C-alpha atoms as a PDB file:
ATOM      1  CA  MET A   1     -35.589 -91.000   8.556  1.00  0.00           C
ATOM      2  CA  SER A   2     -36.114 -89.759  12.046  1.00  0.00           C
ATOM      3  CA  GLY A   3     -33.141 -89.524  14.403  1.00  0.00           C
ATOM      4  CA  ASP A   4     -32.398 -92.187  16.972  1.00  0.00           C
ATOM      5  CA  SER A   5     -33.550 -91.203  20.447  1.00  0.00           C
ATOM      6  CA  GLY A   6     -30.442 -92.842  21.824  1.00  0.00           C
ATOM      7  CA  SER A   7     -28.064 -90.526  19.982  1.00  0.00           C
ATOM      8  CA  SER A   8     -26.125 -88.144  22.200  1.00  0.00           C
ATOM      9  CA  ARG A   9     -26.616 -84.359  21.976  1.00  0.00           C
ATOM     10  CA  PRO A  10     -24.929 -81.628  24.007  1.00  0.00           C
ATOM     11  CA  ALA A  11     -27.136 -80.388  26.760  1.00  0.00           C
ATOM     12  CA  ALA A  12     -28.638 -76.961  26.135  1.00  0.00           C
ATOM     13  CA  THR A  13     -27.671 -74.308  28.606  1.00  0.00           C
ATOM     14  CA  ASN A  14     -30.119 -71.543  29.549  1.00  0.00           C
ATOM     15  CA  ASN A  15     -30.147 -68.604  31.894  1.00  0.00           C
ATOM     16  CA  ALA A  16     -33.025 -68.246  34.304  1.00  0.00           C
ATOM     17  CA  THR A  17     -34.061 -66.631  37.559  1.00  0.00           C
ATOM     18  CA  TYR A  18     -35.494 -68.612  40.433  1.00  0.00           C
ATOM     19  CA  THR A  19     -36.911 -67.635  43.797  1.00  0.00           C
ATOM     20  CA  ASP A  20     -35.025 -68.428  46.966  1.00  0.00           C
ATOM     21  CA  PRO A  21     -37.489 -70.298  49.282  1.00  0.00           C
ATOM     22  CA  SER A  22     -35.962 -68.713  52.355  1.00  0.00           C
ATOM     23  CA  SER A  23     -36.641 -65.256  50.978  1.00  0.00           C
ATOM     24  CA  PRO A  24     -39.559 -65.101  48.492  1.00  0.00           C
ATOM     25  CA  SER A  25     -38.749 -61.529  47.501  1.00  0.00           C
ATOM     26  CA  LYS A  26     -35.068 -62.278  46.685  1.00  0.00           C
ATOM     27  CA  HIS A  27     -34.193 -63.330  43.143  1.00  0.00           C
ATOM     28  CA  ILE A  28     -30.798 -64.784  42.366  1.00  0.00           C
ATOM     29  CA  SER A  29     -29.429 -64.981  38.849  1.00  0.00           C
ATOM     30  CA  SER A  30     -28.382 -68.574  38.158  1.00  0.00           C
ATOM     31  CA  GLN A  31     -27.400 -70.916  35.345  1.00  0.00           C
ATOM     32  CA  TYR A  32     -28.599 -74.502  35.018  1.00  0.00           C
ATOM     33  CA  ILE A  33     -28.569 -77.447  32.566  1.00  0.00           C
ATOM     34  CA  ASN A  34     -31.896 -78.021  30.757  1.00  0.00           C
ATOM     35  CA  CYS A  35     -32.601 -81.697  31.400  1.00  0.00           C
ATOM     36  CA  ALA A  36     -36.280 -81.605  30.400  1.00  0.00           C
ATOM     37  CA  SER A  37     -35.493 -82.418  26.786  1.00  0.00           C
ATOM     38  CA  PHE A  38     -33.932 -85.709  27.935  1.00  0.00           C
ATOM     39  CA  HIS A  39     -36.880 -86.581  30.270  1.00  0.00           C
ATOM     40  CA  ILE A  40     -34.555 -86.901  33.237  1.00  0.00           C
ATOM     41  CA  ASP A  41     -34.220 -85.076  36.515  1.00  0.00           C
ATOM     42  CA  CYS A  42     -30.966 -83.361  37.335  1.00  0.00           C
ATOM     43  CA  PRO A  43     -29.924 -80.840  40.012  1.00  0.00           C
ATOM     44  CA  ARG A  44     -29.599 -77.208  39.188  1.00  0.00           C
ATOM     45  CA  LYS A  45     -26.109 -75.789  39.621  1.00  0.00           C
ATOM     46  CA  LYS A  46     -26.344 -72.221  40.810  1.00  0.00           C
ATOM     47  CA  ILE A  47     -23.688 -69.667  39.913  1.00  0.00           C
ATOM     48  CA  GLN A  48     -24.080 -66.351  41.664  1.00  0.00           C
ATOM     49  CA  THR A  49     -23.260 -63.376  39.459  1.00  0.00           C
ATOM     50  CA  HIS A  50     -23.273 -60.536  41.947  1.00  0.00           C
ATOM     51  CA  ASN A  51     -19.982 -59.212  43.333  1.00  0.00           C
ATOM     52  CA  SER A  52     -18.966 -59.754  46.906  1.00  0.00           C
ATOM     53  CA  PRO A  53     -19.354 -56.678  49.144  1.00  0.00           C
ATOM     54  CA  LYS A  54     -16.035 -57.575  50.765  1.00  0.00           C
ATOM     55  CA  MET A  55     -14.235 -56.775  47.508  1.00  0.00           C
ATOM     56  CA  PHE A  56     -15.604 -53.235  47.457  1.00  0.00           C
ATOM     57  CA  GLY A  57     -14.783 -52.839  51.121  1.00  0.00           C
ATOM     58  CA  SER A  58     -11.155 -53.797  50.580  1.00  0.00           C
ATOM     59  CA  LEU A  59     -10.820 -51.492  47.568  1.00  0.00           C
ATOM     60  CA  SER A  60     -12.337 -48.559  49.388  1.00  0.00           C
ATOM     61  CA  SER A  61     -10.043 -49.149  52.336  1.00  0.00           C
ATOM     62  CA  LEU A  62      -6.979 -49.059  50.060  1.00  0.00           C
ATOM     63  CA  GLN A  63      -7.856 -45.828  48.280  1.00  0.00           C
ATOM     64  CA  PRO A  64      -7.159 -43.426  51.187  1.00  0.00           C
ATOM     65  CA  ARG A  65      -3.802 -45.079  51.836  1.00  0.00           C
ATOM     66  CA  GLN A  66      -2.825 -44.874  48.170  1.00  0.00           C
ATOM     67  CA  LEU A  67      -3.885 -41.237  47.993  1.00  0.00           C
ATOM     68  CA  ALA A  68      -1.933 -40.395  51.140  1.00  0.00           C
ATOM     69  CA  THR A  69       1.131 -42.145  49.706  1.00  0.00           C
ATOM     70  CA  GLN A  70       0.970 -40.173  46.463  1.00  0.00           C
ATOM     71  CA  VAL A  71       0.486 -36.879  48.307  1.00  0.00           C
ATOM     72  CA  LEU A  72       3.490 -37.626  50.508  1.00  0.00           C
ATOM     73  CA  ASN A  73       5.578 -38.513  47.451  1.00  0.00           C
ATOM     74  CA  PHE A  74       4.604 -35.236  45.795  1.00  0.00           C
ATOM     75  CA  ALA A  75       5.460 -33.294  48.950  1.00  0.00           C
ATOM     76  CA  LEU A  76       8.813 -35.097  49.065  1.00  0.00           C
ATOM     77  CA  VAL A  77       9.580 -33.986  45.505  1.00  0.00           C
ATOM     78  CA  LEU A  78       8.740 -30.366  46.344  1.00  0.00           C
ATOM     79  CA  SER A  79      10.783 -30.381  49.543  1.00  0.00           C
ATOM     80  CA  THR A  80      13.745 -31.945  47.732  1.00  0.00           C
ATOM     81  CA  ALA A  81      13.607 -29.286  45.021  1.00  0.00           C
ATOM     82  CA  PHE A  82      13.439 -26.566  47.691  1.00  0.00           C
ATOM     83  CA  MET A  83      16.445 -27.997  49.514  1.00  0.00           C
ATOM     84  CA  LEU A  84      18.435 -28.204  46.274  1.00  0.00           C
ATOM     85  CA  TRP A  85      17.568 -24.574  45.512  1.00  0.00           C
ATOM     86  CA  LYS A  86      18.683 -23.439  48.958  1.00  0.00           C
ATOM     87  CA  GLY A  87      21.843 -25.500  48.712  1.00  0.00           C
ATOM     88  CA  LEU A  88      22.647 -23.942  45.356  1.00  0.00           C
ATOM     89  CA  SER A  89      22.029 -20.490  46.830  1.00  0.00           C
ATOM     90  CA  VAL A  90      24.534 -21.179  49.598  1.00  0.00           C
ATOM     91  CA  ALA A  91      27.116 -22.596  47.178  1.00  0.00           C
ATOM     92  CA  THR A  92      26.911 -19.605  44.810  1.00  0.00           C
ATOM     93  CA  ASP A  93      26.307 -16.986  47.528  1.00  0.00           C
ATOM     94  CA  SER A  94      23.352 -15.721  45.486  1.00  0.00           C
ATOM     95  CA  ALA A  95      19.710 -15.393  46.501  1.00  0.00           C
ATOM     96  CA  SER A  96      18.692 -16.294  42.922  1.00  0.00           C
ATOM     97  CA  PRO A  97      21.338 -18.601  41.445  1.00  0.00           C
ATOM     98  CA  ILE A  98      19.225 -19.317  38.354  1.00  0.00           C
ATOM     99  CA  VAL A  99      17.284 -16.672  36.404  1.00  0.00           C
ATOM    100  CA  VAL A 100      15.480 -16.433  33.074  1.00  0.00           C
ATOM    101  CA  VAL A 101      16.048 -13.734  30.455  1.00  0.00           C
ATOM    102  CA  LEU A 102      12.704 -11.931  30.126  1.00  0.00           C
ATOM    103  CA  SER A 103      13.444  -9.436  27.341  1.00  0.00           C
ATOM    104  CA  GLY A 104      15.539  -9.042  24.208  1.00  0.00           C
ATOM    105  CA  SER A 105      17.756  -6.274  25.577  1.00  0.00           C
ATOM    106  CA  MET A 106      20.809  -8.572  25.621  1.00  0.00           C
ATOM    107  CA  GLU A 107      20.500  -9.931  22.093  1.00  0.00           C
ATOM    108  CA  PRO A 108      22.408 -11.417  20.387  1.00  0.00           C
ATOM    109  CA  ALA A 109      24.389 -12.609  23.433  1.00  0.00           C
ATOM    110  CA  PHE A 110      21.298 -13.930  25.229  1.00  0.00           C
ATOM    111  CA  GLN A 111      17.837 -14.567  23.852  1.00  0.00           C
ATOM    112  CA  ARG A 112      14.486 -14.302  25.564  1.00  0.00           C
ATOM    113  CA  GLY A 113      13.865 -17.482  27.553  1.00  0.00           C
ATOM    114  CA  ASP A 114      17.513 -18.402  28.117  1.00  0.00           C
ATOM    115  CA  LEU A 115      18.257 -19.925  31.517  1.00  0.00           C
ATOM    116  CA  LEU A 116      21.229 -18.227  33.218  1.00  0.00           C
ATOM    117  CA  PHE A 117      23.446 -19.572  36.011  1.00  0.00           C
ATOM    118  CA  LEU A 118      24.924 -17.018  38.407  1.00  0.00           C
ATOM    119  CA  TRP A 119      27.965 -16.874  40.676  1.00  0.00           C
ATOM    120  CA  ASN A 120      28.334 -14.271  43.403  1.00  0.00           C
ATOM    121  CA  ARG A 121      31.421 -15.311  45.381  1.00  0.00           C
ATOM    122  CA  GLY A 122      33.900 -12.474  45.144  1.00  0.00           C
ATOM    123  CA  LEU A 123      32.737  -8.878  44.745  1.00  0.00           C
ATOM    124  CA  ASP A 124      35.266  -7.840  42.118  1.00  0.00           C
ATOM    125  CA  THR A 125      33.461  -7.339  38.808  1.00  0.00           C
ATOM    126  CA  LYS A 126      35.229  -6.382  35.601  1.00  0.00           C
ATOM    127  CA  VAL A 127      34.035  -4.249  32.704  1.00  0.00           C
ATOM    128  CA  GLY A 128      32.443  -6.528  30.126  1.00  0.00           C
ATOM    129  CA  GLU A 129      30.956  -8.980  32.600  1.00  0.00           C
ATOM    130  CA  VAL A 130      27.238  -9.723  32.360  1.00  0.00           C
ATOM    131  CA  VAL A 131      25.541  -9.294  35.723  1.00  0.00           C
ATOM    132  CA  VAL A 132      22.046  -9.649  37.111  1.00  0.00           C
ATOM    133  CA  TYR A 133      20.856  -6.875  39.402  1.00  0.00           C
ATOM    134  CA  ASN A 134      17.685  -5.841  41.178  1.00  0.00           C
ATOM    135  CA  VAL A 135      16.369  -2.306  40.983  1.00  0.00           C
ATOM    136  CA  ARG A 136      15.731  -0.916  44.445  1.00  0.00           C
ATOM    137  CA  GLY A 137      12.034  -1.034  45.250  1.00  0.00           C
ATOM    138  CA  LYS A 138      11.281  -3.488  42.429  1.00  0.00           C
ATOM    139  CA  ASP A 139      11.327  -7.260  42.268  1.00  0.00           C
ATOM    140  CA  ILE A 140      12.344  -7.739  38.628  1.00  0.00           C
ATOM    141  CA  PRO A 141      15.923  -8.915  37.914  1.00  0.00           C
ATOM    142  CA  ILE A 142      17.670  -7.248  34.978  1.00  0.00           C
ATOM    143  CA  VAL A 143      20.422  -8.919  32.948  1.00  0.00           C
ATOM    144  CA  HIS A 144      22.856  -6.370  31.475  1.00  0.00           C
ATOM    145  CA  ARG A 145      26.558  -5.896  30.812  1.00  0.00           C
ATOM    146  CA  VAL A 146      28.953  -3.775  32.884  1.00  0.00           C
ATOM    147  CA  VAL A 147      30.279  -0.864  30.793  1.00  0.00           C
ATOM    148  CA  ARG A 148      31.954   1.194  33.523  1.00  0.00           C
ATOM    149  CA  ARG A 149      33.128   0.739  37.105  1.00  0.00           C
ATOM    150  CA  PHE A 150      34.120   3.170  39.855  1.00  0.00           C
ATOM    151  CA  GLY A 151      35.792   2.765  43.225  1.00  0.00           C
ATOM    152  CA  GLY A 152      36.534  -0.571  44.717  1.00  0.00           C
ATOM    153  CA  GLY A 153      39.850  -1.748  46.045  1.00  0.00           C
ATOM    154  CA  GLU A 154      41.140  -3.324  49.228  1.00  0.00           C
ATOM    155  CA  GLY A 155      41.063  -1.958  52.729  1.00  0.00           C
ATOM    156  CA  ILE A 156      38.438  -0.743  55.151  1.00  0.00           C
ATOM    157  CA  ASN A 157      38.551   2.823  53.861  1.00  0.00           C
ATOM    158  CA  ALA A 158      38.302   1.825  50.176  1.00  0.00           C
ATOM    159  CA  PRO A 159      35.263   3.291  48.400  1.00  0.00           C
ATOM    160  CA  PRO A 160      32.534   0.785  47.480  1.00  0.00           C
ATOM    161  CA  LEU A 161      32.620  -0.678  43.997  1.00  0.00           C
ATOM    162  CA  GLN A 162      30.000   0.952  41.769  1.00  0.00           C
ATOM    163  CA  LEU A 163      28.924  -0.218  38.325  1.00  0.00           C
ATOM    164  CA  LEU A 164      27.210   1.243  35.273  1.00  0.00           C
ATOM    165  CA  THR A 165      25.367  -1.292  33.118  1.00  0.00           C
ATOM    166  CA  LYS A 166      23.810  -1.361  29.672  1.00  0.00           C
ATOM    167  CA  GLY A 167      21.931  -3.833  27.521  1.00  0.00           C
ATOM    168  CA  ASP A 168      23.787  -4.970  24.404  1.00  0.00           C
ATOM    169  CA  ASN A 169      20.690  -4.262  22.326  1.00  0.00           C
ATOM    170  CA  ASN A 170      19.927  -0.889  23.964  1.00  0.00           C
ATOM    171  CA  ALA A 171      21.053   2.514  22.707  1.00  0.00           C
ATOM    172  CA  ALA A 172      21.530   4.057  26.180  1.00  0.00           C
ATOM    173  CA  ASP A 173      22.844   2.872  29.519  1.00  0.00           C
ATOM    174  CA  ASP A 174      20.675   1.852  32.477  1.00  0.00           C
ATOM    175  CA  THR A 175      20.702   5.149  34.365  1.00  0.00           C
ATOM    176  CA  GLU A 176      16.994   5.608  33.679  1.00  0.00           C
ATOM    177  CA  LEU A 177      16.268   2.130  35.044  1.00  0.00           C
ATOM    178  CA  TYR A 178      17.917   2.681  38.404  1.00  0.00           C
ATOM    179  CA  ALA A 179      16.035   3.933  41.437  1.00  0.00           C
ATOM    180  CA  ARG A 180      15.396   7.646  41.750  1.00  0.00           C
ATOM    181  CA  GLY A 181      18.544   9.477  42.773  1.00  0.00           C
ATOM    182  CA  GLN A 182      20.771   6.483  41.972  1.00  0.00           C
ATOM    183  CA  ASP A 183      23.399   6.916  39.249  1.00  0.00           C
ATOM    184  CA  PHE A 184      25.283   3.631  39.658  1.00  0.00           C
ATOM    185  CA  LEU A 185      24.825   0.155  41.073  1.00  0.00           C
ATOM    186  CA  ASN A 186      26.383  -0.814  44.362  1.00  0.00           C
ATOM    187  CA  ARG A 187      28.134  -4.105  43.664  1.00  0.00           C
ATOM    188  CA  ALA A 188      27.693  -5.389  47.200  1.00  0.00           C
ATOM    189  CA  THR A 189      23.971  -4.649  47.606  1.00  0.00           C
ATOM    190  CA  ASP A 190      22.377  -4.369  44.155  1.00  0.00           C
ATOM    191  CA  VAL A 191      23.993  -7.153  42.121  1.00  0.00           C
ATOM    192  CA  VAL A 192      22.580 -10.678  42.431  1.00  0.00           C
ATOM    193  CA  GLY A 193      25.475 -12.352  40.624  1.00  0.00           C
ATOM    194  CA  SER A 194      27.570 -12.629  37.491  1.00  0.00           C
ATOM    195  CA  VAL A 195      26.548 -14.915  34.622  1.00  0.00           C
ATOM    196  CA  VAL A 196      28.819 -17.961  34.351  1.00  0.00           C
ATOM    197  CA  GLY A 197      26.728 -20.190  32.062  1.00  0.00           C
ATOM    198  CA  TYR A 198      23.382 -20.581  30.344  1.00  0.00           C
ATOM    199  CA  ILE A 199      21.036 -23.019  28.581  1.00  0.00           C
ATOM    200  CA  PRO A 200      19.159 -21.600  25.559  1.00  0.00           C
ATOM    201  CA  PHE A 201      15.355 -21.271  25.694  1.00  0.00           C
ATOM    202  CA  VAL A 202      14.871 -23.725  28.588  1.00  0.00           C
ATOM    203  CA  GLY A 203      13.254 -21.056  30.762  1.00  0.00           C
ATOM    204  CA  TYR A 204      10.662 -20.018  28.194  1.00  0.00           C
ATOM    205  CA  VAL A 205       7.973 -21.924  30.074  1.00  0.00           C
ATOM    206  CA  THR A 206       8.196 -19.381  32.913  1.00  0.00           C
ATOM    207  CA  ILE A 207       7.546 -16.582  30.426  1.00  0.00           C
ATOM    208  CA  LEU A 208       4.456 -18.403  29.147  1.00  0.00           C
ATOM    209  CA  LEU A 209       3.176 -18.863  32.700  1.00  0.00           C
ATOM    210  CA  ALA A 210       3.649 -15.148  33.369  1.00  0.00           C
ATOM    211  CA  GLU A 211       1.947 -14.049  30.140  1.00  0.00           C
ATOM    212  CA  TYR A 212      -0.903 -16.592  30.314  1.00  0.00           C
ATOM    213  CA  PRO A 213      -2.010 -17.029  33.957  1.00  0.00           C
ATOM    214  CA  TRP A 214      -4.561 -19.703  33.029  1.00  0.00           C
ATOM    215  CA  LEU A 215      -1.665 -22.035  32.217  1.00  0.00           C
ATOM    216  CA  LYS A 216      -0.793 -22.055  35.921  1.00  0.00           C
ATOM    217  CA  THR A 217      -4.274 -23.375  36.715  1.00  0.00           C
ATOM    218  CA  VAL A 218      -3.974 -26.065  34.046  1.00  0.00           C
ATOM    219  CA  MET A 219      -0.559 -27.111  35.320  1.00  0.00           C
ATOM    220  CA  LEU A 220      -1.710 -27.282  38.949  1.00  0.00           C
ATOM    221  CA  ALA A 221      -4.799 -29.284  37.947  1.00  0.00           C
ATOM    222  CA  PHE A 222      -2.660 -31.699  35.934  1.00  0.00           C
ATOM    223  CA  MET A 223      -0.256 -32.167  38.829  1.00  0.00           C
ATOM    224  CA  GLY A 224      -3.162 -32.782  41.210  1.00  0.00           C
ATOM    225  CA  LEU A 225      -4.735 -35.376  38.901  1.00  0.00           C
ATOM    226  CA  THR A 226      -1.374 -37.069  38.524  1.00  0.00           C
ATOM    227  CA  VAL A 227      -1.111 -37.386  42.297  1.00  0.00           C
ATOM    228  CA  VAL A 228      -4.640 -38.821  42.601  1.00  0.00           C
ATOM    229  CA  PHE A 229      -4.518 -41.355  39.747  1.00  0.00           C
ATOM    230  CA  GLN A 230      -0.870 -42.387  39.838  1.00  0.00           C
ATOM    231  CA  ARG A 231      -0.295 -46.028  40.699  1.00  0.00           C
ATOM    232  CA  GLU A 232       2.658 -47.388  42.554  1.00  0.00           C
END
């Protein structure tokens, strides 16, 4: 038995493209209700599917401001770290208040990669103290123990305090490491500071950056991408 023409059916929905009379060459994607199957006339409801250019304009206008904000935040972090470093240098009276052990010459007391904290207020250094010193003409700090001391004392005419150092894991003292013609360290000019604390292996990342220079590039690229894509 054929269906009753009066029965209700949901209207079919189709997608189509029609031509705008005001601009024959412009086609607008629209959606309309197919009324032909019901033999009735009905208006076509147009729904534009293209994005508004104003949206892209607002997004593009925000991007430079967001980028500038992230760059300023990154610069603020760097400047804060620099100020903290300088403040720590003033508090400890040391140009390098934090250093990393680069070799195994002080094992087992300190391992390679240990992070050392220095203190340089007061020039009196005892035998047995671990000090960090710079070799004259070189820019590499050395962490070794004081095994002998000479001079020192109070008064203007007192001889300067001189130190002889040695690595705990070395067979000989550091005489061969000193600058040519230098037999001992001058406590006032050669020593960066005495070790007062340490954190094991925390500084190993600096050793990796020194041994594998490409890691520096990767780290800088990662930091740059973080600044660009970070959201507030």
